[in-house]
């Protein structure tokens, strides 16, 4: 069984990895540096989304299987949900 610290670290590091990766892609597309690679950037964002979803549902499943860890799993999984409004804002800004 994982410790509470390990569960929180999973959510934190996946959040940081996908947030930084998405921000780098956003600013490179927004500034025009990567206009030739826009399709590749969209593919990378899809990969980040898939990783976030897999980790999110894995944390929820682990929390359901081990009821004593449910609260900490929900806390860790909720960190991943912060990326949703950020990516929405990025998407609205790129549309201009």
Protein backbone atom coordinates (compact mmCIF):
# COMPACT_ATOMS: atom_id res chain seq x y z
CA UNK A 1 0.00 0.00 0.00
CA UNK A 2 1.28 3.45 -0.92
CA UNK A 3 1.87 6.12 1.66
CA UNK A 4 -0.09 9.38 1.64
CA UNK A 5 3.03 11.30 0.61
CA UNK A 6 3.55 9.08 -2.45
CA UNK A 7 -0.08 9.47 -3.52
CA UNK A 8 0.13 13.27 -3.27
CA UNK A 9 3.45 13.28 -5.14
CA UNK A 10 1.92 11.38 -8.05
CA UNK A 11 -0.78 14.02 -8.53
CA UNK A 12 1.63 16.89 -7.98
CA UNK A 13 4.29 15.71 -10.43
CA UNK A 14 1.84 14.76 -13.19
CA UNK A 15 0.22 18.18 -12.78
CA UNK A 16 3.58 19.98 -12.96
CA UNK A 17 4.74 17.92 -15.95
CA UNK A 18 1.60 18.49 -17.98
CA UNK A 19 1.24 22.15 -16.94
CA UNK A 20 4.80 23.00 -17.93
CA UNK A 21 4.59 21.01 -21.15
CA UNK A 22 1.30 22.63 -22.11
CA UNK A 23 2.58 26.09 -21.23
CA UNK A 24 5.72 25.62 -23.32
CA UNK A 25 3.63 24.48 -26.28
CA UNK A 26 1.16 27.33 -25.80
CA UNK A 27 3.80 30.05 -25.68
CA UNK A 28 5.67 28.60 -28.64
CA UNK A 29 2.45 28.50 -30.69
CA UNK A 30 1.25 31.88 -29.41
CA UNK A 31 4.53 33.60 -30.23
CA UNK A 32 4.63 32.07 -33.71
CA UNK A 33 7.84 30.11 -33.18
CA UNK A 34 6.19 26.77 -33.80
CA UNK A 35 3.55 27.50 -36.43
CA UNK A 36 4.93 24.81 -38.75
CA UNK A 37 4.59 22.24 -35.99
CA UNK A 38 1.06 23.11 -34.87
CA UNK A 39 -0.26 19.63 -35.62
CA UNK A 40 2.61 18.09 -33.67
CA UNK A 41 1.87 20.43 -30.76
CA UNK A 42 -1.78 19.35 -30.80
CA UNK A 43 -0.67 15.72 -30.72
CA UNK A 44 1.55 16.39 -27.72
CA UNK A 45 -1.36 18.10 -25.93
CA UNK A 46 -3.49 15.02 -26.62
CA UNK A 47 -0.78 12.83 -25.07
CA UNK A 48 -0.71 15.09 -21.98
CA UNK A 49 -4.50 14.79 -21.76
CA UNK A 50 -4.35 11.01 -22.02
CA UNK A 51 -1.69 10.79 -19.31
CA UNK A 52 -3.72 13.07 -17.02
CA UNK A 53 -6.87 11.00 -17.57
CA UNK A 54 -5.08 7.70 -16.93
CA UNK A 55 -3.51 8.97 -13.70
CA UNK A 56 -6.79 10.59 -12.59
CA UNK A 57 -8.82 7.40 -13.03
CA UNK A 58 -6.04 5.27 -11.55
CA UNK A 59 -6.03 7.40 -8.41
CA UNK A 60 -9.81 7.16 -8.15
CA UNK A 61 -9.70 3.39 -8.62
CA UNK A 62 -6.97 3.03 -6.00
CA UNK A 63 -9.01 5.15 -3.59
CA UNK A 64 -12.11 3.01 -4.12
CA UNK A 65 -10.17 -0.22 -3.66
CA UNK A 66 -8.47 1.05 -0.49
CA UNK A 67 -11.17 3.05 1.29
CA UNK A 68 -8.70 4.28 3.92
CA UNK A 69 -6.82 6.13 1.16
CA UNK A 70 -9.88 7.54 -0.64
CA UNK A 71 -9.62 11.06 0.81
CA UNK A 72 -5.95 11.48 -0.09
CA UNK A 73 -6.55 10.00 -3.56
CA UNK A 74 -9.36 12.49 -4.18
CA UNK A 75 -7.07 15.32 -3.06
CA UNK A 76 -4.32 14.15 -5.41
CA UNK A 77 -6.72 13.59 -8.31
CA UNK A 78 -8.25 17.04 -7.83
CA UNK A 79 -4.82 18.61 -8.46
CA UNK A 80 -5.00 17.25 -11.99
CA UNK A 81 -8.33 19.01 -12.58
CA UNK A 82 -6.62 22.41 -12.26
CA UNK A 83 -5.22 21.89 -15.77
CA UNK A 84 -8.71 21.97 -17.33
CA UNK A 85 -9.47 25.72 -16.96
CA UNK A 86 -5.86 26.59 -17.78
CA UNK A 87 -5.99 24.64 -21.05
CA UNK A 88 -9.38 26.22 -21.83
CA UNK A 89 -7.90 29.71 -21.42
CA UNK A 90 -4.91 28.73 -23.57
CA UNK A 91 -7.26 27.41 -26.25
CA UNK A 92 -9.26 30.63 -26.26
CA UNK A 93 -6.10 32.72 -26.59
CA UNK A 94 -4.68 30.63 -29.45
CA UNK A 95 -7.94 30.96 -31.37
CA UNK A 96 -7.29 34.68 -31.94
